């Protein structure tokens, strides 16, 4: 049986919808792009009231990247001096608020085929792991889960387990008849 739009969306974004992660990113190749865009636009308008936003990015391959994020968590990330320094060195306008920084990230995702490594920060990954990935060119990691872990593997494993339990719970709620809006934790 084919997954519904809502199941695909919740599967990839549950930890962000519940407020455990700053953002989620997934790739999707919809069978009908026009209908998929309209569903995402409608969902974005409804989720906006609950503190969640959605951006769609067209990729050269014909697929779409869907970035779902919580502005308050992005703002909190941007308030950390060590993250500000790192992002500033990469050209991010860290003093201009989360919107300008998300737009800068989206521009990089649109203009380049490769993912900018700093995207991990916008997805809620620890700075040490983002820096470890860059320094080690994706190798020599302690273990891999939702991201490659270079520091504090015990904490990362706990977070991965939390995210997995969250996904299972949210999908079960959806199958029991709750809507995506009912699943979202307003923050």
N, C-alpha and C. Protein backbone atom coordinates (compact mmCIF):
# COMPACT_ATOMS: atom_id res chain seq x y z
N UNK A 1 0.84 -1.19 0.00
CA UNK A 1 0.00 0.00 0.00
C UNK A 1 0.89 1.25 0.00
N UNK A 2 0.52 2.20 -0.81
CA UNK A 2 1.29 3.42 -0.95
C UNK A 2 1.04 4.35 0.24
N UNK A 3 2.11 4.97 0.75
CA UNK A 3 1.97 5.91 1.86
C UNK A 3 1.24 7.16 1.38
N UNK A 4 0.43 7.71 2.26
CA UNK A 4 -0.27 8.95 1.94
C UNK A 4 0.69 10.13 2.11
N UNK A 5 0.29 11.25 1.59
CA UNK A 5 1.07 12.48 1.75
C UNK A 5 1.36 12.74 3.22
N UNK A 6 0.31 12.61 4.05
CA UNK A 6 0.47 12.88 5.48
C UNK A 6 1.46 11.92 6.13
N UNK A 7 1.42 10.64 5.77
CA UNK A 7 2.35 9.66 6.34
C UNK A 7 3.79 9.97 5.95
N UNK A 8 3.99 10.32 4.70
CA UNK A 8 5.34 10.68 4.24
C UNK A 8 5.83 11.90 5.02
N UNK A 9 4.97 12.90 5.13
CA UNK A 9 5.34 14.14 5.81
C UNK A 9 5.67 13.88 7.29
N UNK A 10 4.80 13.17 7.99
CA UNK A 10 5.00 12.90 9.41
C UNK A 10 6.22 12.00 9.63
N UNK A 11 6.41 11.02 8.76
CA UNK A 11 7.57 10.13 8.88
C UNK A 11 8.87 10.93 8.93
N UNK A 12 8.98 11.91 8.07
CA UNK A 12 10.23 12.68 7.94
C UNK A 12 10.34 13.87 8.89
N UNK A 13 9.23 14.31 9.46
CA UNK A 13 9.27 15.57 10.21
C UNK A 13 8.77 15.48 11.64
N UNK A 14 8.46 14.30 12.13
CA UNK A 14 7.81 14.16 13.44
C UNK A 14 8.58 14.84 14.57
N UNK A 15 9.90 14.69 14.62
CA UNK A 15 10.68 15.29 15.72
C UNK A 15 10.63 16.82 15.67
N UNK A 16 10.52 17.38 14.49
CA UNK A 16 10.37 18.84 14.37
C UNK A 16 8.95 19.24 14.73
N UNK A 17 7.98 18.48 14.26
CA UNK A 17 6.59 18.79 14.57
C UNK A 17 6.34 18.80 16.08
N UNK A 18 7.00 17.91 16.79
CA UNK A 18 6.83 17.82 18.24
C UNK A 18 7.76 18.75 19.02
N UNK A 19 8.66 19.45 18.32
CA UNK A 19 9.53 20.43 18.98
C UNK A 19 10.83 19.87 19.52
N UNK A 20 11.20 18.65 19.13
CA UNK A 20 12.46 18.05 19.58
C UNK A 20 13.66 18.47 18.73
N UNK A 21 13.41 18.89 17.50
CA UNK A 21 14.47 19.29 16.57
C UNK A 21 14.12 20.64 15.95
N UNK A 22 15.15 21.41 15.61
CA UNK A 22 14.94 22.70 14.97
C UNK A 22 14.35 22.54 13.57
N UNK A 23 14.79 21.54 12.85
CA UNK A 23 14.32 21.38 11.48
C UNK A 23 14.46 19.96 10.98
N UNK A 24 13.76 19.71 9.89
CA UNK A 24 13.82 18.44 9.19
C UNK A 24 13.88 18.74 7.70
N UNK A 25 14.57 17.87 7.00
CA UNK A 25 14.73 18.04 5.55
C UNK A 25 14.55 16.68 4.91
N UNK A 26 13.71 16.63 3.88
CA UNK A 26 13.58 15.38 3.13
C UNK A 26 13.36 15.67 1.66
N UNK A 27 13.68 14.68 0.87
CA UNK A 27 13.53 14.76 -0.57
C UNK A 27 12.31 13.95 -0.97
N UNK A 28 11.56 14.47 -1.93
CA UNK A 28 10.38 13.75 -2.40
C UNK A 28 10.19 14.04 -3.89
N UNK A 29 9.80 13.00 -4.60
CA UNK A 29 9.50 13.14 -6.03
C UNK A 29 8.00 12.85 -6.19
N UNK A 30 7.18 13.90 -6.11
CA UNK A 30 5.73 13.67 -6.18
C UNK A 30 5.28 13.27 -7.58
N UNK A 31 4.21 12.50 -7.64
CA UNK A 31 3.68 12.10 -8.94
C UNK A 31 2.99 13.29 -9.62
N UNK A 32 2.41 14.16 -8.83
CA UNK A 32 1.78 15.37 -9.36
C UNK A 32 2.33 16.57 -8.59
N UNK A 33 3.26 17.28 -9.22
CA UNK A 33 3.95 18.38 -8.56
C UNK A 33 2.98 19.50 -8.16
N UNK A 34 2.05 19.82 -9.03
CA UNK A 34 1.11 20.92 -8.76
C UNK A 34 0.27 20.60 -7.52
N UNK A 35 -0.26 19.39 -7.44
CA UNK A 35 -1.08 19.01 -6.30
C UNK A 35 -0.23 18.94 -5.02
N UNK A 36 0.98 18.43 -5.13
CA UNK A 36 1.86 18.33 -3.97
C UNK A 36 2.20 19.72 -3.43
N UNK A 37 2.53 20.65 -4.34
CA UNK A 37 2.82 22.03 -3.92
C UNK A 37 1.62 22.65 -3.19
N UNK A 38 0.43 22.42 -3.72
CA UNK A 38 -0.76 22.99 -3.11
C UNK A 38 -0.99 22.41 -1.72
N UNK A 39 -0.80 21.09 -1.57
CA UNK A 39 -0.94 20.47 -0.25
C UNK A 39 0.06 21.05 0.74
N UNK A 40 1.30 21.23 0.30
CA UNK A 40 2.32 21.80 1.19
C UNK A 40 2.00 23.25 1.54
N UNK A 41 1.52 24.03 0.57
CA UNK A 41 1.16 25.42 0.85
C UNK A 41 0.03 25.50 1.88
N UNK A 42 -0.97 24.67 1.71
CA UNK A 42 -2.10 24.64 2.65
C UNK A 42 -1.62 24.22 4.03
N UNK A 43 -0.79 23.19 4.09
CA UNK A 43 -0.27 22.72 5.36
C UNK A 43 0.63 23.77 6.01
N UNK A 44 1.44 24.46 5.21
CA UNK A 44 2.31 25.51 5.74
C UNK A 44 1.48 26.61 6.39
N UNK A 45 0.40 27.03 5.76
CA UNK A 45 -0.45 28.07 6.34
C UNK A 45 -1.03 27.63 7.67
N UNK A 46 -1.45 26.37 7.76
CA UNK A 46 -2.04 25.86 9.00
C UNK A 46 -0.97 25.68 10.08
N UNK A 47 0.18 25.17 9.71
CA UNK A 47 1.25 24.92 10.69
C UNK A 47 1.88 26.21 11.20
N UNK A 48 1.86 27.23 10.37
CA UNK A 48 2.45 28.52 10.75
C UNK A 48 1.88 29.00 12.10
N UNK A 49 0.60 28.78 12.30
CA UNK A 49 -0.06 29.18 13.55
C UNK A 49 0.45 28.38 14.75
N UNK A 50 1.06 27.24 14.48
CA UNK A 50 1.56 26.37 15.55
C UNK A 50 3.09 26.47 15.69
N UNK A 51 3.69 27.44 15.01
CA UNK A 51 5.13 27.65 15.16
C UNK A 51 6.00 26.79 14.26
N UNK A 52 5.45 26.34 13.14
CA UNK A 52 6.20 25.50 12.20
C UNK A 52 6.05 26.12 10.81
N UNK A 53 7.16 26.13 10.05
CA UNK A 53 7.11 26.65 8.69
C UNK A 53 7.67 25.62 7.71
N UNK A 54 7.24 25.74 6.46
CA UNK A 54 7.67 24.81 5.40
C UNK A 54 8.20 25.61 4.22
N UNK A 55 9.32 25.15 3.66
CA UNK A 55 9.84 25.69 2.40
C UNK A 55 10.08 24.54 1.43
N UNK A 56 9.76 24.78 0.17
CA UNK A 56 10.01 23.80 -0.89
C UNK A 56 11.15 24.30 -1.77
N UNK A 57 12.03 23.39 -2.12
CA UNK A 57 13.16 23.73 -2.98
C UNK A 57 13.18 22.75 -4.14
N UNK A 58 13.08 23.27 -5.36
CA UNK A 58 13.18 22.41 -6.54
C UNK A 58 14.63 22.02 -6.77
N UNK A 59 14.86 20.75 -7.06
CA UNK A 59 16.20 20.26 -7.36
C UNK A 59 16.29 19.95 -8.85
N UNK A 60 17.49 19.98 -9.37
CA UNK A 60 17.71 19.70 -10.80
C UNK A 60 17.25 18.31 -11.20
N UNK A 61 17.24 17.38 -10.26
CA UNK A 61 16.89 15.99 -10.55
C UNK A 61 15.40 15.77 -10.73
N UNK A 62 14.58 16.81 -10.54
CA UNK A 62 13.14 16.65 -10.65
C UNK A 62 12.48 16.37 -9.31
N UNK A 63 13.30 16.18 -8.29
CA UNK A 63 12.73 15.97 -6.96
C UNK A 63 12.65 17.32 -6.25
N UNK A 64 11.98 17.30 -5.12
CA UNK A 64 11.85 18.51 -4.31
C UNK A 64 12.45 18.24 -2.95
N UNK A 65 13.09 19.25 -2.38
CA UNK A 65 13.51 19.19 -0.99
C UNK A 65 12.47 19.94 -0.19
N UNK A 66 12.07 19.36 0.91
CA UNK A 66 11.10 20.00 1.78
C UNK A 66 11.79 20.26 3.11
N UNK A 67 11.90 21.53 3.47
CA UNK A 67 12.54 21.95 4.72
C UNK A 67 11.43 22.41 5.65
N UNK A 68 11.29 21.71 6.77
CA UNK A 68 10.29 22.02 7.78
C UNK A 68 11.05 22.44 9.02
N UNK A 69 10.69 23.58 9.60
CA UNK A 69 11.48 24.07 10.74
C UNK A 69 10.62 24.86 11.71
N UNK A 70 11.20 25.03 12.89
CA UNK A 70 10.60 25.83 13.95
C UNK A 70 11.43 27.11 14.11
N UNK A 71 10.88 28.25 13.71
CA UNK A 71 11.62 29.51 13.81
C UNK A 71 12.19 29.79 15.19
N UNK A 72 11.43 29.49 16.26
CA UNK A 72 11.94 29.78 17.61
C UNK A 72 13.20 28.96 17.91
N UNK A 73 13.25 27.73 17.43
CA UNK A 73 14.45 26.91 17.67
C UNK A 73 15.62 27.37 16.80
N UNK A 74 15.33 27.86 15.60
CA UNK A 74 16.39 28.43 14.76
C UNK A 74 16.92 29.69 15.42
N UNK A 75 16.02 30.54 15.94
CA UNK A 75 16.46 31.75 16.65
C UNK A 75 17.33 31.41 17.85
N UNK A 76 16.95 30.38 18.59
CA UNK A 76 17.74 29.96 19.76
C UNK A 76 19.12 29.49 19.32
N UNK A 77 19.19 28.77 18.22
CA UNK A 77 20.47 28.32 17.68
C UNK A 77 21.33 29.52 17.30
N UNK A 78 20.71 30.49 16.65
CA UNK A 78 21.45 31.67 16.20
C UNK A 78 21.90 32.56 17.35
N UNK A 79 21.36 32.37 18.53
CA UNK A 79 21.77 33.19 19.67
C UNK A 79 23.03 32.65 20.36
N UNK A 80 23.49 31.48 19.96
CA UNK A 80 24.68 30.88 20.58
C UNK A 80 25.94 31.44 19.91
N UNK A 81 26.81 32.08 20.68
CA UNK A 81 27.98 32.75 20.10
C UNK A 81 28.87 31.86 19.22
N UNK A 82 29.10 30.62 19.63
CA UNK A 82 29.99 29.76 18.83
C UNK A 82 29.34 29.39 17.49
N UNK A 83 28.01 29.26 17.48
CA UNK A 83 27.32 28.97 16.22
C UNK A 83 27.28 30.23 15.35
N UNK A 84 27.09 31.38 15.98
CA UNK A 84 27.11 32.64 15.24
C UNK A 84 28.44 32.82 14.53
N UNK A 85 29.53 32.59 15.24
CA UNK A 85 30.87 32.75 14.65
C UNK A 85 31.05 31.83 13.45
N UNK A 86 30.67 30.58 13.63
CA UNK A 86 30.81 29.59 12.55
C UNK A 86 30.00 30.01 11.33
N UNK A 87 28.73 30.35 11.54
CA UNK A 87 27.87 30.72 10.41
C UNK A 87 28.30 32.05 9.78
N UNK A 88 28.75 32.98 10.60
CA UNK A 88 29.22 34.26 10.08
C UNK A 88 30.40 34.06 9.13
N UNK A 89 31.31 33.17 9.49
CA UNK A 89 32.46 32.86 8.62
C UNK A 89 32.02 32.30 7.28
N UNK A 90 30.84 31.70 7.24
CA UNK A 90 30.31 31.13 6.01
C UNK A 90 29.41 32.11 5.26
N UNK A 91 29.34 33.35 5.74
CA UNK A 91 28.57 34.38 5.04
C UNK A 91 27.14 34.55 5.49
N UNK A 92 26.73 33.89 6.56
CA UNK A 92 25.36 34.03 7.04
C UNK A 92 25.18 35.36 7.75
N UNK A 93 24.03 36.01 7.56
CA UNK A 93 23.75 37.29 8.21
C UNK A 93 23.20 37.07 9.63
N UNK A 94 24.04 36.56 10.52
CA UNK A 94 23.58 36.09 11.84
C UNK A 94 22.90 37.16 12.68
N UNK A 95 23.16 38.42 12.43
CA UNK A 95 22.54 39.49 13.21
C UNK A 95 21.22 39.99 12.62
N UNK A 96 20.75 39.34 11.57
CA UNK A 96 19.53 39.80 10.90
C UNK A 96 18.32 38.91 11.14
N UNK A 97 18.40 38.02 12.11
CA UNK A 97 17.25 37.18 12.45
C UNK A 97 17.19 35.87 11.68
N UNK A 98 16.29 35.02 12.15
CA UNK A 98 16.21 33.67 11.57
C UNK A 98 15.78 33.69 10.10
N UNK A 99 14.88 34.61 9.71
CA UNK A 99 14.38 34.62 8.34
C UNK A 99 15.51 34.84 7.33
N UNK A 100 16.38 35.80 7.60
CA UNK A 100 17.49 36.07 6.69
C UNK A 100 18.44 34.88 6.62
N UNK A 101 18.62 34.20 7.71
CA UNK A 101 19.53 33.05 7.73
C UNK A 101 18.93 31.84 7.04
N UNK A 102 17.64 31.62 7.23
CA UNK A 102 16.97 30.53 6.52
C UNK A 102 17.00 30.82 5.02
N UNK A 103 16.75 32.06 4.63
CA UNK A 103 16.80 32.42 3.21
C UNK A 103 18.20 32.20 2.63
N UNK A 104 19.23 32.52 3.40
CA UNK A 104 20.61 32.30 2.96
C UNK A 104 20.85 30.80 2.74
N UNK A 105 20.39 29.98 3.67
CA UNK A 105 20.53 28.53 3.54
C UNK A 105 19.76 28.03 2.31
N UNK A 106 18.53 28.49 2.13
CA UNK A 106 17.72 28.05 0.99
C UNK A 106 18.37 28.44 -0.33
N UNK A 107 18.97 29.61 -0.36
CA UNK A 107 19.66 30.06 -1.58
C UNK A 107 20.82 29.10 -1.89
N UNK A 108 21.58 28.71 -0.87
CA UNK A 108 22.69 27.78 -1.08
C UNK A 108 22.17 26.42 -1.56
N UNK A 109 21.05 25.98 -0.99
CA UNK A 109 20.47 24.70 -1.41
C UNK A 109 19.97 24.76 -2.85
N UNK A 110 19.50 25.91 -3.27
CA UNK A 110 18.99 26.08 -4.63
C UNK A 110 20.12 26.19 -5.65
N UNK A 111 21.17 26.91 -5.29
CA UNK A 111 22.23 27.21 -6.25
C UNK A 111 23.28 26.12 -6.41
N UNK A 112 23.42 25.24 -5.43
CA UNK A 112 24.47 24.23 -5.47
C UNK A 112 23.88 22.84 -5.38
N UNK A 113 24.51 21.89 -6.07
CA UNK A 113 24.06 20.50 -6.00
C UNK A 113 24.42 19.86 -4.67
N UNK A 114 25.57 20.24 -4.11
CA UNK A 114 26.00 19.69 -2.83
C UNK A 114 25.28 20.39 -1.69
N UNK A 115 25.07 19.65 -0.61
CA UNK A 115 24.47 20.25 0.56
C UNK A 115 25.53 21.01 1.34
N UNK A 116 25.21 22.23 1.75
CA UNK A 116 26.16 22.94 2.62
C UNK A 116 26.20 22.23 3.98
N UNK A 117 27.38 21.93 4.46
CA UNK A 117 27.52 21.15 5.69
C UNK A 117 26.85 21.82 6.90
N UNK A 118 26.79 23.13 6.90
CA UNK A 118 26.19 23.82 8.04
C UNK A 118 24.68 23.58 8.15
N UNK A 119 24.11 22.95 7.16
CA UNK A 119 22.68 22.64 7.24
C UNK A 119 22.37 21.83 8.49
N UNK A 120 23.35 21.06 8.95
CA UNK A 120 23.16 20.26 10.16
C UNK A 120 22.73 21.11 11.35
N UNK A 121 23.23 22.32 11.44
CA UNK A 121 22.85 23.19 12.56
C UNK A 121 21.37 23.55 12.48
N UNK A 122 20.88 23.77 11.27
CA UNK A 122 19.48 24.12 11.07
C UNK A 122 18.56 22.91 11.29
N UNK A 123 19.17 21.72 11.29
CA UNK A 123 18.42 20.50 11.54
C UNK A 123 18.55 20.04 12.99
N UNK A 124 19.27 20.83 13.80
CA UNK A 124 19.40 20.52 15.22
C UNK A 124 20.56 19.62 15.57
N UNK A 125 21.53 19.46 14.67
CA UNK A 125 22.70 18.63 14.97
C UNK A 125 23.69 19.45 15.79
N UNK A 126 24.44 18.80 16.66
CA UNK A 126 25.43 19.52 17.47
C UNK A 126 26.56 20.10 16.60
N UNK A 127 27.04 21.27 16.99
CA UNK A 127 28.13 21.92 16.27
C UNK A 127 29.36 21.02 16.19
N UNK A 128 29.69 20.31 17.28
CA UNK A 128 30.86 19.43 17.26
C UNK A 128 30.75 18.36 16.19
N UNK A 129 29.55 17.87 15.95
CA UNK A 129 29.38 16.85 14.91
C UNK A 129 29.45 17.46 13.51
N UNK A 130 28.93 18.65 13.35
CA UNK A 130 29.04 19.33 12.05
C UNK A 130 30.51 19.62 11.75
N UNK A 131 31.23 20.15 12.74
CA UNK A 131 32.66 20.43 12.56
C UNK A 131 33.45 19.14 12.34
N UNK A 132 33.08 18.08 13.08
CA UNK A 132 33.75 16.79 12.91
C UNK A 132 33.56 16.24 11.52
N UNK A 133 32.37 16.39 10.97
CA UNK A 133 32.10 15.93 9.61
C UNK A 133 32.96 16.70 8.60
N UNK A 134 33.04 18.00 8.77
CA UNK A 134 33.82 18.83 7.85
C UNK A 134 35.30 18.48 7.96
N UNK A 135 35.82 18.44 9.17
CA UNK A 135 37.24 18.16 9.40
C UNK A 135 37.64 16.79 8.88
N UNK A 136 36.79 15.80 9.12
CA UNK A 136 37.10 14.41 8.75
C UNK A 136 36.55 14.01 7.39
N UNK A 137 35.98 14.96 6.67
CA UNK A 137 35.41 14.72 5.35
C UNK A 137 34.44 13.54 5.35
N UNK A 138 33.65 13.46 6.42
CA UNK A 138 32.64 12.42 6.52
C UNK A 138 33.15 11.07 6.98
N UNK A 139 34.41 10.97 7.33
CA UNK A 139 34.99 9.70 7.78
C UNK A 139 35.35 9.79 9.26
N UNK A 140 35.79 8.67 9.81
CA UNK A 140 36.29 8.59 11.20
C UNK A 140 35.26 8.97 12.25
N UNK A 141 33.99 8.74 11.99
CA UNK A 141 32.94 9.07 12.95
C UNK A 141 32.80 7.95 13.98
N UNK A 142 32.27 8.29 15.15
CA UNK A 142 32.07 7.30 16.21
C UNK A 142 30.97 6.32 15.81
N UNK A 143 29.89 6.83 15.26
CA UNK A 143 28.83 6.00 14.67
C UNK A 143 27.92 6.89 13.85
N UNK A 144 27.05 6.27 13.10
CA UNK A 144 26.16 7.01 12.22
C UNK A 144 24.71 6.63 12.52
N UNK A 145 23.87 7.62 12.53
CA UNK A 145 22.44 7.44 12.72
C UNK A 145 21.75 8.43 11.82
N UNK A 146 21.03 9.37 12.40
CA UNK A 146 20.43 10.44 11.61
C UNK A 146 21.50 11.38 11.07
N UNK A 147 22.64 11.41 11.71
CA UNK A 147 23.80 12.14 11.23
C UNK A 147 25.04 11.39 11.69
N UNK A 148 26.19 11.78 11.19
CA UNK A 148 27.44 11.16 11.61
C UNK A 148 27.89 11.82 12.91
N UNK A 149 28.12 10.99 13.91
CA UNK A 149 28.41 11.46 15.26
C UNK A 149 29.91 11.40 15.51
N UNK A 150 30.47 12.53 15.93
CA UNK A 150 31.90 12.63 16.23
C UNK A 150 32.15 12.88 17.71
N UNK A 151 31.17 13.38 18.42
CA UNK A 151 31.36 13.65 19.85
C UNK A 151 30.09 13.26 20.60
N UNK A 152 30.24 12.92 21.84
CA UNK A 152 29.14 12.56 22.73
C UNK A 152 28.19 11.50 22.12
N UNK A 153 28.75 10.33 21.77
CA UNK A 153 27.92 9.31 21.14
C UNK A 153 26.76 8.82 22.02
N UNK A 154 26.95 8.78 23.34
CA UNK A 154 25.86 8.31 24.21
C UNK A 154 24.67 9.25 24.15
N UNK A 155 24.94 10.55 24.15
CA UNK A 155 23.85 11.53 24.05
C UNK A 155 23.18 11.44 22.68
N UNK A 156 23.99 11.28 21.64
CA UNK A 156 23.42 11.16 20.28
C UNK A 156 22.54 9.92 20.18
N UNK A 157 22.97 8.79 20.73
CA UNK A 157 22.15 7.57 20.68
C UNK A 157 20.82 7.77 21.38
N UNK A 158 20.84 8.46 22.52
CA UNK A 158 19.59 8.75 23.23
C UNK A 158 18.67 9.62 22.38
N UNK A 159 19.25 10.61 21.72
CA UNK A 159 18.44 11.48 20.86
C UNK A 159 17.86 10.71 19.68
N UNK A 160 18.67 9.83 19.08
CA UNK A 160 18.18 9.03 17.95
C UNK A 160 17.02 8.15 18.40
N UNK A 161 17.13 7.56 19.58
CA UNK A 161 16.05 6.72 20.11
C UNK A 161 14.80 7.55 20.38
N UNK A 162 14.98 8.74 20.93
CA UNK A 162 13.85 9.64 21.17
C UNK A 162 13.16 9.97 19.85
N UNK A 163 13.94 10.31 18.83
CA UNK A 163 13.37 10.67 17.53
C UNK A 163 12.62 9.48 16.92
N UNK A 164 13.15 8.27 17.10
CA UNK A 164 12.50 7.07 16.56
C UNK A 164 11.17 6.82 17.28
N UNK A 165 11.17 6.93 18.61
CA UNK A 165 9.93 6.75 19.37
C UNK A 165 8.90 7.82 18.97
N UNK A 166 9.38 9.04 18.78
CA UNK A 166 8.50 10.14 18.37
C UNK A 166 7.87 9.82 17.01
N UNK A 167 8.67 9.35 16.07
CA UNK A 167 8.17 9.01 14.73
C UNK A 167 7.09 7.92 14.83
N UNK A 168 7.40 6.87 15.57
CA UNK A 168 6.44 5.77 15.70
C UNK A 168 5.14 6.24 16.33
N UNK A 169 5.25 7.05 17.38
CA UNK A 169 4.06 7.57 18.06
C UNK A 169 3.24 8.46 17.12
N UNK A 170 3.89 9.35 16.42
CA UNK A 170 3.17 10.27 15.52
C UNK A 170 2.50 9.52 14.39
N UNK A 171 3.17 8.53 13.82
CA UNK A 171 2.57 7.75 12.74
C UNK A 171 1.37 6.95 13.26
N UNK A 172 1.48 6.43 14.47
CA UNK A 172 0.36 5.70 15.06
C UNK A 172 -0.83 6.65 15.27
N UNK A 173 -0.58 7.85 15.77
CA UNK A 173 -1.64 8.85 15.95
C UNK A 173 -2.31 9.16 14.61
N UNK A 174 -1.51 9.30 13.57
CA UNK A 174 -2.04 9.59 12.24
C UNK A 174 -2.92 8.43 11.76
N UNK A 175 -2.47 7.21 11.95
CA UNK A 175 -3.25 6.03 11.53
C UNK A 175 -4.53 5.88 12.33
N UNK A 176 -4.54 6.43 13.55
CA UNK A 176 -5.74 6.37 14.39
C UNK A 176 -6.72 7.50 14.07
N UNK A 177 -6.37 8.33 13.09
CA UNK A 177 -7.30 9.35 12.63
C UNK A 177 -6.97 10.79 12.97
N UNK A 178 -5.88 11.01 13.72
CA UNK A 178 -5.52 12.41 14.00
C UNK A 178 -4.94 13.05 12.74
N UNK A 179 -5.13 14.34 12.62
CA UNK A 179 -4.55 15.08 11.49
C UNK A 179 -3.13 15.51 11.86
N UNK A 180 -2.41 15.96 10.86
CA UNK A 180 -1.06 16.49 11.11
C UNK A 180 -1.13 17.63 12.11
N UNK A 181 -2.13 18.49 11.99
CA UNK A 181 -2.27 19.62 12.92
C UNK A 181 -2.51 19.16 14.35
N UNK A 182 -3.24 18.08 14.53
CA UNK A 182 -3.48 17.56 15.87
C UNK A 182 -2.22 16.96 16.47
N UNK A 183 -1.34 16.48 15.64
CA UNK A 183 -0.09 15.85 16.10
C UNK A 183 0.92 16.89 16.56
N UNK A 184 0.89 18.04 15.94
CA UNK A 184 1.89 19.09 16.20
C UNK A 184 1.77 19.60 17.63
N UNK A 185 2.90 19.76 18.25
CA UNK A 185 2.97 20.39 19.56
C UNK A 185 3.26 21.86 19.32
N UNK A 186 2.38 22.71 19.73
CA UNK A 186 2.61 24.15 19.55
C UNK A 186 3.68 24.61 20.52
N UNK A 187 4.63 25.35 19.99
CA UNK A 187 5.73 25.85 20.84
C UNK A 187 5.79 27.35 20.76
